[in-house]
């Protein structure tokens, strides 16, 4: 996707969570409130705010994937606070990071691709329960596409003024809130953009938009309290003044399958990136699955041959030959199951066992 104006891109989080080098932030904030209690601050290993996020359940936070590009461990999530300098709230260590199955966004070429996929899941090392100050974000339906009639609100802790190239980025301690107007994609994208705009939302205007520090934070339908988008990219004008026009948001409804697959205890481990753990286990599961079916194939063939030759195959009748050929054909089913191991192992997770992958391959070939 090519932006109609210069694009201000956010960086990944450094080490565990990168420092805030140009992350979107609220410009032209309205009176702040604490009504959206599912909004959290994602912080680096030194507990400095880096990105926003939304608590979906006790162990799951939704944010932008560019907040942790090339990251396999992370910092902290702070919930239950609108002012990060005040005491209170809940601070929890991040356990794992998860992105959609397609490759992470490469922002140097992202705007030529059909789908940006700037969305990610954080799993927490310790559950965060609901309280007077903490809630979980209501998700939209997959077909819920903002049409301009909604009252859209963005929230965040980052920069609240425009900036020029070369200026340092920073965040502010008090969370800001601003009502944003949905805009046609012509405000955010070049006319020759041929990508999938159904996964995006364009919102904001000069003087009221997102800027450095709001990445990963929410775009909310304030009438229903439903989460409809998350902050992806802020935009600079042709003069290089950042955060001066509409911003681009990832439409949450486009990724409900990915989100639902990672809710609850899924991914609730204690350290490394969930996908890295999943992928590390798959070769052994694949090997075990193929060996099981190949051994069954060899045993089946041997049993068929032994049964046929036990009475002397030179005297076999036509019917006995037909039965023998059918037995050999039945053995080939194990070879077919062996070929199904690849797909089943590819879907395996760190929680999968040899038996679950084998059962998957058997079901595939039986058409279940």
Protein backbone atom coordinates (compact mmCIF):
# COMPACT_ATOMS: atom_id res chain seq x y z
CA UNK A 1 0.00 0.00 0.00
CA UNK A 2 1.33 3.43 -0.88
CA UNK A 3 0.19 6.31 1.25
CA UNK A 4 -1.16 9.41 -0.38
CA UNK A 5 1.24 11.39 1.77
CA UNK A 6 4.46 10.56 3.52
CA UNK A 7 4.01 7.80 6.07
CA UNK A 8 5.22 7.91 9.66
CA UNK A 9 6.00 4.30 10.53
CA UNK A 10 6.35 2.87 13.96
CA UNK A 11 9.29 0.71 14.91
CA UNK A 12 9.26 -2.60 16.72
CA UNK A 13 9.96 -2.68 20.42
CA UNK A 14 13.69 -2.74 21.27
CA UNK A 15 15.08 -5.92 22.77
CA UNK A 16 11.93 -7.22 24.29
CA UNK A 17 9.77 -4.23 23.41
CA UNK A 18 11.25 -1.44 21.37
CA UNK A 19 11.44 2.17 22.44
CA UNK A 20 8.93 4.55 20.95
CA UNK A 21 10.54 5.71 17.76
CA UNK A 22 7.58 7.32 15.91
CA UNK A 23 4.61 5.41 17.27
CA UNK A 24 1.16 6.91 16.66
CA UNK A 25 -0.31 9.16 19.39
CA UNK A 26 -3.51 11.20 19.98
CA UNK A 27 -3.55 14.70 18.42
CA UNK A 28 -6.32 17.09 19.50
CA UNK A 29 -7.51 15.10 22.52
CA UNK A 30 -10.99 15.50 23.98
CA UNK A 31 -11.73 15.40 27.70
CA UNK A 32 -10.19 12.11 28.92
CA UNK A 33 -12.37 9.53 30.68
CA UNK A 34 -11.86 6.15 32.28
CA UNK A 35 -14.90 4.52 30.66
CA UNK A 36 -12.89 2.11 28.49
CA UNK A 37 -11.27 -0.02 31.17
CA UNK A 38 -9.86 -2.64 28.80
CA UNK A 39 -7.14 -0.34 27.42
CA UNK A 40 -3.62 -1.24 28.64
CA UNK A 41 -0.11 0.16 28.35
CA UNK A 42 2.49 -2.18 26.84
CA UNK A 43 5.88 -1.36 28.28
CA UNK A 44 9.47 -2.36 27.61
CA UNK A 45 11.81 -4.12 30.02
CA UNK A 46 12.50 -0.83 31.83
CA UNK A 47 8.75 -0.20 32.22
CA UNK A 48 8.60 2.68 29.74
CA UNK A 49 5.39 2.96 27.71
CA UNK A 50 5.85 1.75 24.14
CA UNK A 51 2.44 0.76 22.73
CA UNK A 52 -1.22 0.52 23.59
CA UNK A 53 -3.26 -2.65 23.70
CA UNK A 54 -6.64 -4.08 24.67
CA UNK A 55 -7.28 -6.74 27.29
CA UNK A 56 -9.53 -9.42 25.74
CA UNK A 57 -9.58 -11.86 28.66
CA UNK A 58 -7.48 -12.56 31.74
CA UNK A 59 -4.44 -13.73 29.74
CA UNK A 60 -4.84 -12.12 26.31
CA UNK A 61 -3.93 -8.65 25.00
CA UNK A 62 -4.55 -7.46 21.43
CA UNK A 63 -2.13 -4.97 19.87
CA UNK A 64 -0.34 -4.12 16.61
CA UNK A 65 2.21 -6.70 15.45
CA UNK A 66 4.74 -4.01 14.56
CA UNK A 67 5.02 -3.34 18.29
CA UNK A 68 7.08 -6.50 18.59
CA UNK A 69 8.64 -7.20 15.21
CA UNK A 70 11.57 -9.63 15.47
CA UNK A 71 10.83 -10.10 19.17
CA UNK A 72 10.60 -13.41 21.02
CA UNK A 73 10.37 -12.10 24.56
CA UNK A 74 8.88 -8.96 25.99
CA UNK A 75 8.31 -6.57 28.86
CA UNK A 76 5.16 -5.73 30.78
CA UNK A 77 1.46 -4.92 30.46
CA UNK A 78 -0.07 -2.34 32.81
CA UNK A 79 -3.85 -2.42 33.31
CA UNK A 80 -6.24 -0.41 35.44
CA UNK A 81 -4.50 2.96 35.07
CA UNK A 82 -5.13 6.05 32.96
CA UNK A 83 -2.20 8.00 34.47
CA UNK A 84 1.01 5.98 34.30
CA UNK A 85 2.70 8.17 36.91
CA UNK A 86 0.12 7.32 39.56
CA UNK A 87 0.35 4.32 41.84
CA UNK A 88 -2.06 1.43 41.57
CA UNK A 89 -3.09 -0.64 38.61
CA UNK A 90 -1.82 -4.11 37.78
CA UNK A 91 1.56 -4.77 36.15
CA UNK A 92 2.11 -8.22 34.62
CA UNK A 93 5.05 -9.78 32.77
CA UNK A 94 4.45 -10.69 29.15
CA UNK A 95 4.80 -14.40 28.46
CA UNK A 96 4.43 -14.95 24.72
CA UNK A 97 3.82 -13.09 21.46
CA UNK A 98 1.77 -14.32 18.54
CA UNK A 99 1.09 -13.01 15.03
CA UNK A 100 -1.19 -14.25 12.26
CA UNK A 101 0.26 -17.16 10.28
CA UNK A 102 1.38 -14.97 7.39
CA UNK A 103 4.75 -13.27 7.68
CA UNK A 104 5.16 -10.25 9.94
CA UNK A 105 4.75 -6.91 8.25
CA UNK A 106 7.80 -5.48 6.50
CA UNK A 107 6.97 -1.80 6.57
CA UNK A 108 9.43 -0.95 3.79
CA UNK A 109 7.28 -2.90 1.34
CA UNK A 110 4.02 -3.30 3.25
CA UNK A 111 2.10 -0.90 1.08
CA UNK A 112 2.52 -3.04 -2.03
CA UNK A 113 0.87 -6.03 -0.35
CA UNK A 114 -2.79 -6.97 -0.33
CA UNK A 115 -2.99 -7.39 3.42
CA UNK A 116 -0.92 -5.63 6.03
CA UNK A 117 -1.74 -7.94 8.90
CA UNK A 118 -0.66 -5.41 11.55
CA UNK A 119 -2.22 -7.27 14.46
CA UNK A 120 -0.76 -9.39 17.22
CA UNK A 121 -1.62 -11.24 20.41
CA UNK A 122 0.25 -10.97 23.71
CA UNK A 123 -0.21 -13.69 26.33
CA UNK A 124 0.38 -12.79 29.95
CA UNK A 125 2.49 -14.69 32.48
CA UNK A 126 -0.09 -13.96 35.20
CA UNK A 127 -3.85 -13.53 34.64
CA UNK A 128 -5.41 -10.07 35.02
CA UNK A 129 -8.91 -10.42 36.41
CA UNK A 130 -11.80 -7.98 36.04
CA UNK A 131 -12.18 -5.34 38.74
CA UNK A 132 -13.65 -1.88 39.26
CA UNK A 133 -10.82 -0.49 37.11
CA UNK A 134 -10.29 -3.37 34.66
CA UNK A 135 -12.57 -4.88 32.02
CA UNK A 136 -12.29 -6.95 28.82
CA UNK A 137 -12.85 -5.50 25.35
CA UNK A 138 -16.04 -6.45 23.47
CA UNK A 139 -15.11 -7.76 20.01
CA UNK A 140 -17.05 -6.96 16.83
CA UNK A 141 -18.56 -9.47 14.44
CA UNK A 142 -16.57 -10.34 11.34
CA UNK A 143 -19.00 -8.46 9.09
CA UNK A 144 -19.06 -5.32 11.25
CA UNK A 145 -17.55 -2.69 8.96
CA UNK A 146 -17.72 0.95 10.09
CA UNK A 147 -19.86 2.95 7.67
CA UNK A 148 -19.37 6.46 9.04
CA UNK A 149 -22.40 6.44 11.32
CA UNK A 150 -20.40 5.35 14.35
CA UNK A 151 -18.88 7.68 16.91
CA UNK A 152 -15.29 6.47 16.72
CA UNK A 153 -12.94 7.11 19.63
CA UNK A 154 -9.18 6.51 19.81
CA UNK A 155 -7.20 6.33 23.06
CA UNK A 156 -3.51 6.38 23.90
CA UNK A 157 -0.57 7.62 25.96
CA UNK A 158 1.83 8.95 23.35
CA UNK A 159 2.58 12.25 21.65
CA UNK A 160 -0.14 14.91 21.54
CA UNK A 161 1.50 17.40 19.17
CA UNK A 162 2.69 17.18 15.59
CA UNK A 163 6.40 16.71 14.97
CA UNK A 164 9.00 17.16 12.24
CA UNK A 165 11.59 14.70 10.99
CA UNK A 166 14.54 14.48 13.35
CA UNK A 167 12.60 15.39 16.48
CA UNK A 168 12.57 12.81 19.27
CA UNK A 169 9.39 10.89 19.93
CA UNK A 170 7.99 10.65 23.44
CA UNK A 171 4.91 9.60 25.35
CA UNK A 172 2.90 11.35 28.04
CA UNK A 173 1.74 9.78 31.31
CA UNK A 174 -1.97 10.61 31.08
CA UNK A 175 -4.09 8.67 28.63
CA UNK A 176 -5.84 10.84 26.06
CA UNK A 177 -9.07 10.23 24.18
CA UNK A 178 -10.30 11.77 20.93
CA UNK A 179 -13.34 11.33 18.72
CA UNK A 180 -12.23 10.66 15.15
CA UNK A 181 -14.18 10.99 11.94
CA UNK A 182 -14.07 8.06 9.56
CA UNK A 183 -12.59 9.11 6.22
CA UNK A 184 -12.68 7.69 2.70
CA UNK A 185 -9.60 5.67 1.82
CA UNK A 186 -8.56 8.41 -0.59
CA UNK A 187 -7.46 10.32 2.52
CA UNK A 188 -5.05 7.54 3.48
CA UNK A 189 -4.16 5.66 0.29
CA UNK A 190 -2.95 6.48 -3.18
CA UNK A 191 -5.47 6.02 -6.01
CA UNK A 192 -3.41 3.16 -7.45
CA UNK A 193 -3.62 1.11 -4.24
CA UNK A 194 -4.86 -2.37 -5.18
CA UNK A 195 -4.75 -4.00 -1.76
CA UNK A 196 -7.48 -5.36 0.48
CA UNK A 197 -9.04 -2.26 2.06
CA UNK A 198 -11.57 -4.45 3.89
CA UNK A 199 -8.89 -5.09 6.52
CA UNK A 200 -8.31 -1.36 7.11
CA UNK A 201 -10.06 1.72 8.48
CA UNK A 202 -9.12 5.32 7.65
CA UNK A 203 -10.01 7.85 10.35
CA UNK A 204 -8.95 11.24 11.71
CA UNK A 205 -8.25 14.64 10.21
CA UNK A 206 -5.76 17.51 10.60
CA UNK A 207 -5.72 18.52 14.25
CA UNK A 208 -7.44 15.36 15.47
CA UNK A 209 -5.69 12.09 14.71
CA UNK A 210 -3.22 9.52 16.08
CA UNK A 211 0.51 10.04 16.51
CA UNK A 212 3.68 8.74 18.20
CA UNK A 213 2.80 6.45 21.10
CA UNK A 214 -0.70 5.22 20.18
CA UNK A 215 0.33 2.17 18.14
CA UNK A 216 -1.68 -0.92 18.99
CA UNK A 217 -4.26 1.12 20.89
CA UNK A 218 -7.99 0.95 20.22
CA UNK A 219 -10.44 2.52 17.84
CA UNK A 220 -13.79 2.10 19.57
CA UNK A 221 -17.42 2.53 18.56
CA UNK A 222 -18.34 4.66 21.57
CA UNK A 223 -22.08 4.02 21.11
CA UNK A 224 -21.65 0.30 21.78
CA UNK A 225 -18.23 0.22 23.45
CA UNK A 226 -17.13 -2.31 20.82
CA UNK A 227 -13.53 -2.51 19.66
CA UNK A 228 -13.53 -1.98 15.88
CA UNK A 229 -9.89 -1.18 15.05
CA UNK A 230 -6.38 -0.75 16.35
CA UNK A 231 -3.85 1.96 15.57
CA UNK A 232 -1.43 0.97 12.80
CA UNK A 233 0.05 3.99 10.99
CA UNK A 234 0.05 7.75 11.41
CA UNK A 235 0.61 9.99 8.43
CA UNK A 236 2.82 13.01 7.77
CA UNK A 237 1.97 15.76 5.31
CA UNK A 238 4.11 16.50 2.20
CA UNK A 239 6.14 18.98 4.26
CA UNK A 240 7.22 16.19 6.60
CA UNK A 241 5.12 17.29 9.57
CA UNK A 242 4.08 14.09 11.26
CA UNK A 243 0.68 13.20 12.73
CA UNK A 244 -1.04 15.88 10.69
CA UNK A 245 -3.79 13.96 8.91
CA UNK A 246 -5.91 10.81 8.99
CA UNK A 247 -4.43 7.58 10.31
CA UNK A 248 -4.68 3.95 9.23
CA UNK A 249 -6.20 1.37 11.56
CA UNK A 250 -6.33 -2.42 11.33
CA UNK A 251 -9.97 -3.55 11.24
CA UNK A 252 -10.33 -6.05 14.08
CA UNK A 253 -13.27 -7.89 12.52
CA UNK A 254 -11.00 -9.06 9.69
CA UNK A 255 -8.96 -11.16 12.10
CA UNK A 256 -11.50 -12.78 14.41
CA UNK A 257 -10.38 -16.31 13.51
CA UNK A 258 -6.81 -15.49 14.53
CA UNK A 259 -8.01 -13.75 17.70
CA UNK A 260 -10.36 -16.55 18.75
CA UNK A 261 -7.64 -19.16 18.21
CA UNK A 262 -5.49 -17.37 20.79
CA UNK A 263 -8.01 -16.52 23.50
CA UNK A 264 -7.96 -18.11 26.93
CA UNK A 265 -5.20 -20.49 27.96
CA UNK A 266 -3.96 -21.03 24.40
CA UNK A 267 -0.38 -19.76 24.33
CA UNK A 268 -0.32 -19.36 28.13
CA UNK A 269 3.25 -20.48 28.66
CA UNK A 270 6.19 -19.05 30.45
CA UNK A 271 8.64 -17.35 28.30
CA UNK A 272 9.34 -17.95 24.64
CA UNK A 273 7.32 -16.97 21.63
CA UNK A 274 4.43 -19.43 21.23
CA UNK A 275 5.02 -19.95 17.55
CA UNK A 276 8.69 -20.68 18.11
CA UNK A 277 7.69 -23.33 20.62
CA UNK A 278 5.11 -24.74 18.21
CA UNK A 279 7.53 -24.88 15.29
CA UNK A 280 10.30 -26.40 17.39
CA UNK A 281 8.12 -29.40 18.24
CA UNK A 282 6.78 -30.08 14.74
CA UNK A 283 9.76 -31.95 13.20
CA UNK A 284 9.67 -34.64 15.90
CA UNK A 285 5.89 -34.96 15.57
CA UNK A 286 6.19 -35.30 11.80
CA UNK A 287 8.90 -37.95 12.09
CA UNK A 288 6.88 -39.94 14.61
CA UNK A 289 3.73 -39.79 12.46
CA UNK A 290 5.49 -40.94 9.29
CA UNK A 291 7.31 -43.74 11.12
CA UNK A 292 4.07 -45.01 12.64
CA UNK A 293 2.31 -45.29 9.29
CA UNK A 294 5.35 -46.68 7.48
CA UNK A 295 5.79 -49.36 10.14
CA UNK A 296 2.10 -50.20 9.85
CA UNK A 297 2.48 -50.40 6.07
CA UNK A 298 5.43 -52.79 6.31
CA UNK A 299 3.67 -54.97 8.89
CA UNK A 300 0.50 -55.05 6.81
CA UNK A 301 2.39 -56.10 3.66
CA UNK A 302 4.33 -58.73 5.56
CA UNK A 303 1.16 -60.18 7.08
CA UNK A 304 -0.55 -60.26 3.68
CA UNK A 305 2.44 -62.02 2.07
CA UNK A 306 2.74 -64.51 4.93
CA UNK A 307 -0.95 -65.36 4.77
CA UNK A 308 -0.87 -65.83 1.01
CA UNK A 309 2.26 -67.97 0.89
CA UNK A 310 1.45 -70.13 3.90
CA UNK A 311 -0.61 -72.49 1.73
CA UNK A 312 1.66 -72.19 -1.32
CA UNK A 313 0.72 -69.50 -3.78
CA UNK A 314 1.36 -71.80 -6.77
CA UNK A 315 -1.91 -73.57 -5.96
CA UNK A 316 -3.86 -70.36 -5.22
CA UNK A 317 -7.24 -70.02 -6.81
CA UNK A 318 -8.40 -67.00 -8.78
CA UNK A 319 -10.41 -65.87 -5.76
CA UNK A 320 -7.38 -66.20 -3.47
CA UNK A 321 -5.29 -64.09 -5.82
CA UNK A 322 -8.00 -61.44 -5.87
CA UNK A 323 -8.16 -61.45 -2.07
CA UNK A 324 -4.37 -61.14 -1.85
CA UNK A 325 -4.33 -58.15 -4.20
CA UNK A 326 -7.08 -56.53 -2.13
CA UNK A 327 -5.06 -57.08 1.05
CA UNK A 328 -2.05 -55.39 -0.56
CA UNK A 329 -4.24 -52.48 -1.70
CA UNK A 330 -5.58 -52.10 1.83
CA UNK A 331 -2.01 -51.79 3.08
CA UNK A 332 -1.49 -48.82 0.77
CA UNK A 333 -3.88 -46.86 3.00
CA UNK A 334 -1.07 -46.58 5.52
CA UNK A 335 1.14 -44.98 2.87
CA UNK A 336 -1.62 -42.48 2.18
CA UNK A 337 -1.86 -41.68 5.88
CA UNK A 338 1.89 -41.14 5.91
CA UNK A 339 1.52 -38.46 3.25
CA UNK A 340 -1.10 -36.70 5.40
CA UNK A 341 1.37 -36.34 8.27
CA UNK A 342 2.88 -33.19 6.73
CA UNK A 343 -0.29 -31.13 6.91
CA UNK A 344 -1.20 -32.36 10.38
CA UNK A 345 2.25 -31.68 11.80
CA UNK A 346 2.20 -28.19 10.27
CA UNK A 347 -0.90 -27.39 12.33
CA UNK A 348 0.51 -28.90 15.53
CA UNK A 349 1.20 -26.79 18.60
CA UNK A 350 3.44 -27.19 21.60
CA UNK A 351 0.51 -28.96 23.29
CA UNK A 352 0.17 -31.58 20.53
CA UNK A 353 1.27 -35.18 21.05
CA UNK A 354 2.41 -37.92 18.68
CA UNK A 355 -1.02 -39.50 19.03
CA UNK A 356 -2.97 -36.35 18.15
CA UNK A 357 -0.97 -35.86 14.94
CA UNK A 358 -1.36 -39.54 14.01
CA UNK A 359 -5.10 -39.37 14.64
CA UNK A 360 -5.29 -36.23 12.50
CA UNK A 361 -3.56 -37.98 9.58
CA UNK A 362 -5.88 -40.97 9.89
CA UNK A 363 -8.93 -38.73 9.89
CA UNK A 364 -7.72 -36.82 6.81
CA UNK A 365 -7.42 -39.98 4.74
CA UNK A 366 -10.69 -41.38 6.01
CA UNK A 367 -12.40 -38.16 4.99
CA UNK A 368 -13.48 -37.25 8.53
